[in-house]
């Protein structure tokens, strides 16, 4: 696995964990980007939106766009991965 792949797997994990910490399991792309930056992961808006789209394709989040924002919300499957109850290829396992 390349270093780039390793990093993106951790970014995906961080996104899911951020959403899991919200009361409604949802957050907009601007807040996600800020929180990733605070965690040491600076992504462009385009890269973040691409990763959110990947998570949606995997059935881990739903996306709604309005007013220039994209809101990501965890699905039940995404919650299972965020909490470490299950895992999947392409996302770093919890605690690693």
PDB file of N, CA and C in Angstrom:
ATOM      1  N   UNK A   1       0.853  -1.174   0.000  1.00  0.00           N
ATOM      2  CA  UNK A   1       0.000   0.000   0.000  1.00  0.00           C
ATOM      3  C   UNK A   1       0.897   1.236   0.000  1.00  0.00           C
ATOM      4  N   UNK A   2       0.560   2.204  -0.832  1.00  0.00           N
ATOM      5  CA  UNK A   2       1.337   3.437  -0.900  1.00  0.00           C
ATOM      6  C   UNK A   2       1.026   4.324   0.305  1.00  0.00           C
ATOM      7  N   UNK A   3       1.921   5.267   0.542  1.00  0.00           N
ATOM      8  CA  UNK A   3       1.700   6.204   1.639  1.00  0.00           C
ATOM      9  C   UNK A   3       0.426   7.010   1.401  1.00  0.00           C
ATOM     10  N   UNK A   4       0.194   7.402   0.140  1.00  0.00           N
ATOM     11  CA  UNK A   4      -1.007   8.168  -0.215  1.00  0.00           C
ATOM     12  C   UNK A   4      -2.270   7.385   0.133  1.00  0.00           C
ATOM     13  N   UNK A   5      -2.299   6.082  -0.187  1.00  0.00           N
ATOM     14  CA  UNK A   5      -3.452   5.244   0.139  1.00  0.00           C
ATOM     15  C   UNK A   5      -3.637   5.142   1.651  1.00  0.00           C
ATOM     16  N   UNK A   6      -2.532   4.999   2.355  1.00  0.00           N
ATOM     17  CA  UNK A   6      -2.574   4.902   3.817  1.00  0.00           C
ATOM     18  C   UNK A   6      -3.194   6.174   4.409  1.00  0.00           C
ATOM     19  N   UNK A   7      -2.768   7.332   3.915  1.00  0.00           N
ATOM     20  CA  UNK A   7      -3.280   8.605   4.416  1.00  0.00           C
ATOM     21  C   UNK A   7      -4.771   8.731   4.140  1.00  0.00           C
ATOM     22  N   UNK A   8      -5.203   8.412   2.919  1.00  0.00           N
ATOM     23  CA  UNK A   8      -6.620   8.596   2.582  1.00  0.00           C
ATOM     24  C   UNK A   8      -7.503   7.642   3.390  1.00  0.00           C
ATOM     25  N   UNK A   9      -7.017   6.436   3.699  1.00  0.00           N
ATOM     26  CA  UNK A   9      -7.787   5.527   4.559  1.00  0.00           C
ATOM     27  C   UNK A   9      -8.000   6.142   5.935  1.00  0.00           C
ATOM     28  N   UNK A  10      -6.999   6.842   6.438  1.00  0.00           N
ATOM     29  CA  UNK A  10      -7.136   7.495   7.743  1.00  0.00           C
ATOM     30  C   UNK A  10      -8.036   8.722   7.664  1.00  0.00           C
ATOM     31  N   UNK A  11      -7.980   9.453   6.565  1.00  0.00           N
ATOM     32  CA  UNK A  11      -8.875  10.598   6.383  1.00  0.00           C
ATOM     33  C   UNK A  11     -10.324  10.120   6.392  1.00  0.00           C
ATOM     34  N   UNK A  12     -10.601   9.038   5.683  1.00  0.00           N
ATOM     35  CA  UNK A  12     -11.970   8.494   5.664  1.00  0.00           C
ATOM     36  C   UNK A  12     -12.411   8.097   7.063  1.00  0.00           C
ATOM     37  N   UNK A  13     -11.513   7.486   7.825  1.00  0.00           N
ATOM     38  CA  UNK A  13     -11.811   7.103   9.212  1.00  0.00           C
ATOM     39  C   UNK A  13     -12.130   8.356  10.036  1.00  0.00           C
ATOM     40  N   UNK A  14     -11.300   9.398   9.882  1.00  0.00           N
ATOM     41  CA  UNK A  14     -11.527  10.630  10.636  1.00  0.00           C
ATOM     42  C   UNK A  14     -12.876  11.255  10.303  1.00  0.00           C
ATOM     43  N   UNK A  15     -13.255  11.249   9.036  1.00  0.00           N
ATOM     44  CA  UNK A  15     -14.555  11.803   8.641  1.00  0.00           C
ATOM     45  C   UNK A  15     -15.682  11.049   9.333  1.00  0.00           C
ATOM     46  N   UNK A  16     -15.635   9.723   9.281  1.00  0.00           N
ATOM     47  CA  UNK A  16     -16.684   8.922   9.911  1.00  0.00           C
ATOM     48  C   UNK A  16     -16.728   9.153  11.417  1.00  0.00           C
ATOM     49  N   UNK A  17     -15.572   9.253  12.035  1.00  0.00           N
ATOM     50  CA  UNK A  17     -15.531   9.482  13.477  1.00  0.00           C
ATOM     51  C   UNK A  17     -16.073  10.862  13.838  1.00  0.00           C
ATOM     52  N   UNK A  18     -15.788  11.873  13.003  1.00  0.00           N
ATOM     53  CA  UNK A  18     -16.344  13.207  13.252  1.00  0.00           C
ATOM     54  C   UNK A  18     -17.865  13.175  13.219  1.00  0.00           C
ATOM     55  N   UNK A  19     -18.396  12.512  12.216  1.00  0.00           N
ATOM     56  CA  UNK A  19     -19.848  12.430  12.081  1.00  0.00           C
ATOM     57  C   UNK A  19     -20.465  11.676  13.252  1.00  0.00           C
ATOM     58  N   UNK A  20     -19.783  10.650  13.713  1.00  0.00           N
ATOM     59  CA  UNK A  20     -20.293   9.837  14.832  1.00  0.00           C
ATOM     60  C   UNK A  20     -20.399  10.664  16.108  1.00  0.00           C
ATOM     61  N   UNK A  21     -19.573  11.678  16.244  1.00  0.00           N
ATOM     62  CA  UNK A  21     -19.568  12.507  17.458  1.00  0.00           C
ATOM     63  C   UNK A  21     -20.665  13.567  17.469  1.00  0.00           C
ATOM     64  N   UNK A  22     -21.288  13.806  16.329  1.00  0.00           N
ATOM     65  CA  UNK A  22     -22.359  14.797  16.264  1.00  0.00           C
ATOM     66  C   UNK A  22     -23.677  14.199  16.764  1.00  0.00           C
ATOM     67  N   UNK A  23     -24.506  15.001  17.416  1.00  0.00           N
ATOM     68  CA  UNK A  23     -25.784  14.521  17.955  1.00  0.00           C
ATOM     69  C   UNK A  23     -26.672  13.906  16.883  1.00  0.00           C
ATOM     70  N   UNK A  24     -26.691  14.514  15.697  1.00  0.00           N
ATOM     71  CA  UNK A  24     -27.538  14.011  14.616  1.00  0.00           C
ATOM     72  C   UNK A  24     -26.741  13.250  13.561  1.00  0.00           C
ATOM     73  N   UNK A  25     -25.486  12.931  13.874  1.00  0.00           N
ATOM     74  CA  UNK A  25     -24.580  12.203  12.971  1.00  0.00           C
ATOM     75  C   UNK A  25     -24.377  12.917  11.642  1.00  0.00           C
ATOM     76  N   UNK A  26     -24.506  14.241  11.632  1.00  0.00           N
ATOM     77  CA  UNK A  26     -24.378  15.004  10.390  1.00  0.00           C
ATOM     78  C   UNK A  26     -23.501  16.235  10.608  1.00  0.00           C
ATOM     79  N   UNK A  27     -22.833  16.635   9.507  1.00  0.00           N
ATOM     80  CA  UNK A  27     -21.984  17.811   9.549  1.00  0.00           C
ATOM     81  C   UNK A  27     -21.781  18.312   8.127  1.00  0.00           C
ATOM     82  N   UNK A  28     -21.615  19.629   7.950  1.00  0.00           N
ATOM     83  CA  UNK A  28     -21.405  20.143   6.598  1.00  0.00           C
ATOM     84  C   UNK A  28     -19.931  20.084   6.219  1.00  0.00           C
ATOM     85  N   UNK A  29     -19.679  20.204   4.913  1.00  0.00           N
ATOM     86  CA  UNK A  29     -18.323  20.031   4.391  1.00  0.00           C
ATOM     87  C   UNK A  29     -17.332  21.056   4.944  1.00  0.00           C
ATOM     88  N   UNK A  30     -17.788  22.261   5.245  1.00  0.00           N
ATOM     89  CA  UNK A  30     -16.883  23.282   5.771  1.00  0.00           C
ATOM     90  C   UNK A  30     -16.382  22.876   7.159  1.00  0.00           C
ATOM     91  N   UNK A  31     -17.276  22.410   8.011  1.00  0.00           N
ATOM     92  CA  UNK A  31     -16.876  21.970   9.352  1.00  0.00           C
ATOM     93  C   UNK A  31     -16.015  20.718   9.296  1.00  0.00           C
ATOM     94  N   UNK A  32     -16.355  19.799   8.405  1.00  0.00           N
ATOM     95  CA  UNK A  32     -15.532  18.592   8.253  1.00  0.00           C
ATOM     96  C   UNK A  32     -14.120  18.981   7.851  1.00  0.00           C
ATOM     97  N   UNK A  33     -14.000  19.882   6.876  1.00  0.00           N
ATOM     98  CA  UNK A  33     -12.689  20.330   6.401  1.00  0.00           C
ATOM     99  C   UNK A  33     -11.900  20.988   7.528  1.00  0.00           C
ATOM    100  N   UNK A  34     -12.551  21.850   8.320  1.00  0.00           N
ATOM    101  CA  UNK A  34     -11.873  22.508   9.444  1.00  0.00           C
ATOM    102  C   UNK A  34     -11.394  21.490  10.474  1.00  0.00           C
ATOM    103  N   UNK A  35     -12.240  20.522  10.783  1.00  0.00           N
ATOM    104  CA  UNK A  35     -11.867  19.511  11.772  1.00  0.00           C
ATOM    105  C   UNK A  35     -10.739  18.616  11.271  1.00  0.00           C
ATOM    106  N   UNK A  36     -10.746  18.301   9.984  1.00  0.00           N
ATOM    107  CA  UNK A  36      -9.639  17.527   9.420  1.00  0.00           C
ATOM    108  C   UNK A  36      -8.341  18.317   9.517  1.00  0.00           C
ATOM    109  N   UNK A  37      -8.403  19.605   9.225  1.00  0.00           N
ATOM    110  CA  UNK A  37      -7.228  20.466   9.322  1.00  0.00           C
ATOM    111  C   UNK A  37      -6.692  20.467  10.751  1.00  0.00           C
ATOM    112  N   UNK A  38      -7.601  20.564  11.724  1.00  0.00           N
ATOM    113  CA  UNK A  38      -7.191  20.552  13.135  1.00  0.00           C
ATOM    114  C   UNK A  38      -6.549  19.220  13.518  1.00  0.00           C
ATOM    115  N   UNK A  39      -6.931  18.158  12.802  1.00  0.00           N
ATOM    116  CA  UNK A  39      -6.358  16.837  13.060  1.00  0.00           C
ATOM    117  C   UNK A  39      -5.100  16.590  12.222  1.00  0.00           C
ATOM    118  N   UNK A  40      -4.638  17.635  11.526  1.00  0.00           N
ATOM    119  CA  UNK A  40      -3.404  17.507  10.759  1.00  0.00           C
ATOM    120  C   UNK A  40      -3.579  17.025   9.334  1.00  0.00           C
ATOM    121  N   UNK A  41      -4.806  17.034   8.829  1.00  0.00           N
ATOM    122  CA  UNK A  41      -5.084  16.562   7.470  1.00  0.00           C
ATOM    123  C   UNK A  41      -5.691  17.694   6.649  1.00  0.00           C
ATOM    124  N   UNK A  42      -4.860  18.394   5.893  1.00  0.00           N
ATOM    125  CA  UNK A  42      -5.335  19.505   5.059  1.00  0.00           C
ATOM    126  C   UNK A  42      -5.746  18.966   3.694  1.00  0.00           C
ATOM    127  N   UNK A  43      -7.025  19.084   3.365  1.00  0.00           N
ATOM    128  CA  UNK A  43      -7.553  18.642   2.072  1.00  0.00           C
ATOM    129  C   UNK A  43      -8.156  19.833   1.347  1.00  0.00           C
ATOM    130  N   UNK A  44      -8.062  19.817   0.027  1.00  0.00           N
ATOM    131  CA  UNK A  44      -8.786  20.824  -0.748  1.00  0.00           C
ATOM    132  C   UNK A  44     -10.273  20.504  -0.656  1.00  0.00           C
ATOM    133  N   UNK A  45     -11.091  21.487  -0.956  1.00  0.00           N
ATOM    134  CA  UNK A  45     -12.535  21.267  -0.950  1.00  0.00           C
ATOM    135  C   UNK A  45     -12.907  20.191  -1.952  1.00  0.00           C
ATOM    136  N   UNK A  46     -12.295  20.231  -3.146  1.00  0.00           N
ATOM    137  CA  UNK A  46     -12.597  19.225  -4.166  1.00  0.00           C
ATOM    138  C   UNK A  46     -12.241  17.819  -3.696  1.00  0.00           C
ATOM    139  N   UNK A  47     -11.095  17.670  -3.044  1.00  0.00           N
ATOM    140  CA  UNK A  47     -10.671  16.349  -2.552  1.00  0.00           C
ATOM    141  C   UNK A  47     -11.622  15.868  -1.454  1.00  0.00           C
ATOM    142  N   UNK A  48     -12.018  16.765  -0.571  1.00  0.00           N
ATOM    143  CA  UNK A  48     -12.958  16.389   0.482  1.00  0.00           C
ATOM    144  C   UNK A  48     -14.281  15.932  -0.112  1.00  0.00           C
ATOM    145  N   UNK A  49     -14.803  16.688  -1.067  1.00  0.00           N
ATOM    146  CA  UNK A  49     -16.071  16.307  -1.695  1.00  0.00           C
ATOM    147  C   UNK A  49     -15.946  14.970  -2.423  1.00  0.00           C
ATOM    148  N   UNK A  50     -14.788  14.709  -3.017  1.00  0.00           N
ATOM    149  CA  UNK A  50     -14.567  13.415  -3.670  1.00  0.00           C
ATOM    150  C   UNK A  50     -14.580  12.283  -2.648  1.00  0.00           C
ATOM    151  N   UNK A  51     -13.985  12.496  -1.494  1.00  0.00           N
ATOM    152  CA  UNK A  51     -13.979  11.463  -0.456  1.00  0.00           C
ATOM    153  C   UNK A  51     -15.374  11.271   0.134  1.00  0.00           C
ATOM    154  N   UNK A  52     -16.117  12.347   0.289  1.00  0.00           N
ATOM    155  CA  UNK A  52     -17.497  12.215   0.755  1.00  0.00           C
ATOM    156  C   UNK A  52     -18.331  11.435  -0.258  1.00  0.00           C
ATOM    157  N   UNK A  53     -18.109  11.687  -1.551  1.00  0.00           N
ATOM    158  CA  UNK A  53     -18.823  10.937  -2.592  1.00  0.00           C
ATOM    159  C   UNK A  53     -18.446   9.463  -2.537  1.00  0.00           C
ATOM    160  N   UNK A  54     -17.180   9.151  -2.275  1.00  0.00           N
ATOM    161  CA  UNK A  54     -16.743   7.749  -2.155  1.00  0.00           C
ATOM    162  C   UNK A  54     -17.454   7.088  -0.974  1.00  0.00           C
ATOM    163  N   UNK A  55     -17.502   7.797   0.151  1.00  0.00           N
ATOM    164  CA  UNK A  55     -18.189   7.250   1.322  1.00  0.00           C
ATOM    165  C   UNK A  55     -19.667   7.019   1.033  1.00  0.00           C
ATOM    166  N   UNK A  56     -20.271   7.912   0.260  1.00  0.00           N
ATOM    167  CA  UNK A  56     -21.676   7.735  -0.116  1.00  0.00           C
ATOM    168  C   UNK A  56     -21.836   6.513  -1.019  1.00  0.00           C
ATOM    169  N   UNK A  57     -20.943   6.336  -1.979  1.00  0.00           N
ATOM    170  CA  UNK A  57     -21.003   5.175  -2.871  1.00  0.00           C
ATOM    171  C   UNK A  57     -20.916   3.862  -2.094  1.00  0.00           C
ATOM    172  N   UNK A  58     -20.191   3.884  -0.989  1.00  0.00           N
ATOM    173  CA  UNK A  58     -20.036   2.688  -0.156  1.00  0.00           C
ATOM    174  C   UNK A  58     -21.214   2.486   0.788  1.00  0.00           C
ATOM    175  N   UNK A  59     -22.152   3.430   0.804  1.00  0.00           N
ATOM    176  CA  UNK A  59     -23.322   3.319   1.677  1.00  0.00           C
ATOM    177  C   UNK A  59     -23.052   3.710   3.117  1.00  0.00           C
ATOM    178  N   UNK A  60     -21.997   4.507   3.338  1.00  0.00           N
ATOM    179  CA  UNK A  60     -21.614   4.865   4.696  1.00  0.00           C
ATOM    180  C   UNK A  60     -22.166   6.220   5.138  1.00  0.00           C
ATOM    181  N   UNK A  61     -22.447   7.077   4.169  1.00  0.00           N
ATOM    182  CA  UNK A  61     -23.044   8.383   4.449  1.00  0.00           C
ATOM    183  C   UNK A  61     -24.082   8.697   3.382  1.00  0.00           C
ATOM    184  N   UNK A  62     -24.965   9.617   3.705  1.00  0.00           N
ATOM    185  CA  UNK A  62     -25.834  10.209   2.697  1.00  0.00           C
ATOM    186  C   UNK A  62     -25.380  11.653   2.552  1.00  0.00           C
ATOM    187  N   UNK A  63     -25.547  12.217   1.357  1.00  0.00           N
ATOM    188  CA  UNK A  63     -25.145  13.592   1.094  1.00  0.00           C
ATOM    189  C   UNK A  63     -26.337  14.405   0.614  1.00  0.00           C
ATOM    190  N   UNK A  64     -26.460  15.611   1.149  1.00  0.00           N
ATOM    191  CA  UNK A  64     -27.457  16.576   0.697  1.00  0.00           C
ATOM    192  C   UNK A  64     -26.735  17.889   0.458  1.00  0.00           C
ATOM    193  N   UNK A  65     -26.962  18.487  -0.695  1.00  0.00           N
ATOM    194  CA  UNK A  65     -26.324  19.765  -1.025  1.00  0.00           C
ATOM    195  C   UNK A  65     -27.374  20.855  -1.126  1.00  0.00           C
ATOM    196  N   UNK A  66     -27.046  21.992  -0.536  1.00  0.00           N
ATOM    197  CA  UNK A  66     -27.913  23.157  -0.637  1.00  0.00           C
ATOM    198  C   UNK A  66     -27.138  24.380  -0.185  1.00  0.00           C
ATOM    199  N   UNK A  67     -27.427  25.511  -0.820  1.00  0.00           N
ATOM    200  CA  UNK A  67     -26.808  26.766  -0.421  1.00  0.00           C
ATOM    201  C   UNK A  67     -25.298  26.769  -0.444  1.00  0.00           C
ATOM    202  N   UNK A  68     -24.696  25.994  -1.315  1.00  0.00           N
ATOM    203  CA  UNK A  68     -23.242  25.947  -1.392  1.00  0.00           C
ATOM    204  C   UNK A  68     -22.581  25.016  -0.392  1.00  0.00           C
ATOM    205  N   UNK A  69     -23.361  24.333   0.402  1.00  0.00           N
ATOM    206  CA  UNK A  69     -22.830  23.387   1.384  1.00  0.00           C
ATOM    207  C   UNK A  69     -23.253  21.969   1.022  1.00  0.00           C
ATOM    208  N   UNK A  70     -22.442  21.026   1.428  1.00  0.00           N
ATOM    209  CA  UNK A  70     -22.798  19.614   1.324  1.00  0.00           C
ATOM    210  C   UNK A  70     -22.825  19.069   2.739  1.00  0.00           C
ATOM    211  N   UNK A  71     -23.936  18.467   3.111  1.00  0.00           N
ATOM    212  CA  UNK A  71     -24.084  17.890   4.448  1.00  0.00           C
ATOM    213  C   UNK A  71     -23.979  16.379   4.338  1.00  0.00           C
ATOM    214  N   UNK A  72     -23.057  15.824   5.107  1.00  0.00           N
ATOM    215  CA  UNK A  72     -22.876  14.378   5.164  1.00  0.00           C
ATOM    216  C   UNK A  72     -23.523  13.864   6.438  1.00  0.00           C
ATOM    217  N   UNK A  73     -24.246  12.752   6.319  1.00  0.00           N
ATOM    218  CA  UNK A  73     -24.890  12.136   7.481  1.00  0.00           C
ATOM    219  C   UNK A  73     -24.580  10.642   7.475  1.00  0.00           C
ATOM    220  N   UNK A  74     -24.162  10.138   8.625  1.00  0.00           N
ATOM    221  CA  UNK A  74     -23.845   8.709   8.752  1.00  0.00           C
ATOM    222  C   UNK A  74     -25.069   7.834   8.529  1.00  0.00           C
ATOM    223  N   UNK A  75     -24.857   6.723   7.861  1.00  0.00           N
ATOM    224  CA  UNK A  75     -25.876   5.681   7.784  1.00  0.00           C
ATOM    225  C   UNK A  75     -25.595   4.702   8.925  1.00  0.00           C
ATOM    226  N   UNK A  76     -26.459   3.710   9.088  1.00  0.00           N
ATOM    227  CA  UNK A  76     -26.219   2.684  10.120  1.00  0.00           C
ATOM    228  C   UNK A  76     -24.910   1.952   9.840  1.00  0.00           C
ATOM    229  N   UNK A  77     -24.668   1.652   8.581  1.00  0.00           N
ATOM    230  CA  UNK A  77     -23.416   0.968   8.206  1.00  0.00           C
ATOM    231  C   UNK A  77     -22.209   1.850   8.523  1.00  0.00           C
ATOM    232  N   UNK A  78     -22.308   3.140   8.219  1.00  0.00           N
ATOM    233  CA  UNK A  78     -21.227   4.070   8.524  1.00  0.00           C
ATOM    234  C   UNK A  78     -20.972   4.172  10.017  1.00  0.00           C
ATOM    235  N   UNK A  79     -22.031   4.149  10.793  1.00  0.00           N
ATOM    236  CA  UNK A  79     -21.895   4.191  12.247  1.00  0.00           C
ATOM    237  C   UNK A  79     -21.163   2.952  12.755  1.00  0.00           C
ATOM    238  N   UNK A  80     -21.490   1.798  12.208  1.00  0.00           N
ATOM    239  CA  UNK A  80     -20.795   0.565  12.605  1.00  0.00           C
ATOM    240  C   UNK A  80     -19.299   0.659  12.349  1.00  0.00           C
ATOM    241  N   UNK A  81     -18.922   1.242  11.236  1.00  0.00           N
ATOM    242  CA  UNK A  81     -17.501   1.374  10.922  1.00  0.00           C
ATOM    243  C   UNK A  81     -16.862   2.444  11.798  1.00  0.00           C
ATOM    244  N   UNK A  82     -17.563   3.553  12.019  1.00  0.00           N
ATOM    245  CA  UNK A  82     -17.028   4.626  12.866  1.00  0.00           C
ATOM    246  C   UNK A  82     -16.753   4.152  14.283  1.00  0.00           C
ATOM    247  N   UNK A  83     -17.599   3.274  14.794  1.00  0.00           N
ATOM    248  CA  UNK A  83     -17.432   2.795  16.169  1.00  0.00           C
ATOM    249  C   UNK A  83     -16.522   1.580  16.270  1.00  0.00           C
ATOM    250  N   UNK A  84     -16.132   1.026  15.125  1.00  0.00           N
ATOM    251  CA  UNK A  84     -15.262  -0.147  15.136  1.00  0.00           C
ATOM    252  C   UNK A  84     -16.007  -1.462  15.208  1.00  0.00           C
ATOM    253  N   UNK A  85     -17.341  -1.422  15.118  1.00  0.00           N
ATOM    254  CA  UNK A  85     -18.124  -2.661  15.163  1.00  0.00           C
ATOM    255  C   UNK A  85     -17.914  -3.497  13.898  1.00  0.00           C
ATOM    256  N   UNK A  86     -17.554  -2.842  12.796  1.00  0.00           N
ATOM    257  CA  UNK A  86     -17.219  -3.555  11.561  1.00  0.00           C
ATOM    258  C   UNK A  86     -16.137  -2.768  10.836  1.00  0.00           C
ATOM    259  N   UNK A  87     -15.607  -3.352   9.779  1.00  0.00           N
ATOM    260  CA  UNK A  87     -14.558  -2.693   9.006  1.00  0.00           C
ATOM    261  C   UNK A  87     -14.790  -2.960   7.537  1.00  0.00           C
ATOM    262  N   UNK A  88     -14.084  -2.225   6.694  1.00  0.00           N
ATOM    263  CA  UNK A  88     -14.173  -2.450   5.261  1.00  0.00           C
ATOM    264  C   UNK A  88     -12.892  -1.963   4.601  1.00  0.00           C
ATOM    265  N   UNK A  89     -12.550  -2.559   3.458  1.00  0.00           N
ATOM    266  CA  UNK A  89     -11.371  -2.109   2.716  1.00  0.00           C
ATOM    267  C   UNK A  89     -11.522  -0.648   2.311  1.00  0.00           C
ATOM    268  N   UNK A  90     -10.424   0.084   2.353  1.00  0.00           N
ATOM    269  CA  UNK A  90     -10.437   1.483   1.959  1.00  0.00           C
ATOM    270  C   UNK A  90     -10.589   2.444   3.125  1.00  0.00           C
ATOM    271  N   UNK A  91     -10.828   1.888   4.329  1.00  0.00           N
ATOM    272  CA  UNK A  91     -10.962   2.714   5.533  1.00  0.00           C
ATOM    273  C   UNK A  91     -10.106   2.095   6.622  1.00  0.00           C
ATOM    274  N   UNK A  92      -9.249   2.916   7.224  1.00  0.00           N
ATOM    275  CA  UNK A  92      -8.386   2.424   8.297  1.00  0.00           C
ATOM    276  C   UNK A  92      -9.239   1.862   9.425  1.00  0.00           C
ATOM    277  N   UNK A  93      -8.755   0.774   9.986  1.00  0.00           N
ATOM    278  CA  UNK A  93      -9.487   0.191  11.116  1.00  0.00           C
ATOM    279  C   UNK A  93      -9.320   1.062  12.349  1.00  0.00           C
ATOM    280  N   UNK A  94     -10.325   1.068  13.189  1.00  0.00           N
ATOM    281  CA  UNK A  94     -10.307   1.882  14.408  1.00  0.00           C
ATOM    282  C   UNK A  94      -9.135   1.461  15.288  1.00  0.00           C
ATOM    283  N   UNK A  95      -8.415   2.465  15.763  1.00  0.00           N
ATOM    284  CA  UNK A  95      -7.309   2.204  16.660  1.00  0.00           C
ATOM    285  C   UNK A  95      -5.989   1.941  15.977  1.00  0.00           C
ATOM    286  N   UNK A  96      -5.970   1.941  14.651  1.00  0.00           N
ATOM    287  CA  UNK A  96      -4.708   1.710  13.937  1.00  0.00           C
ATOM    288  C   UNK A  96      -4.190   2.981  13.333  1.00  0.00           C
TER     289      UNK A  96
END
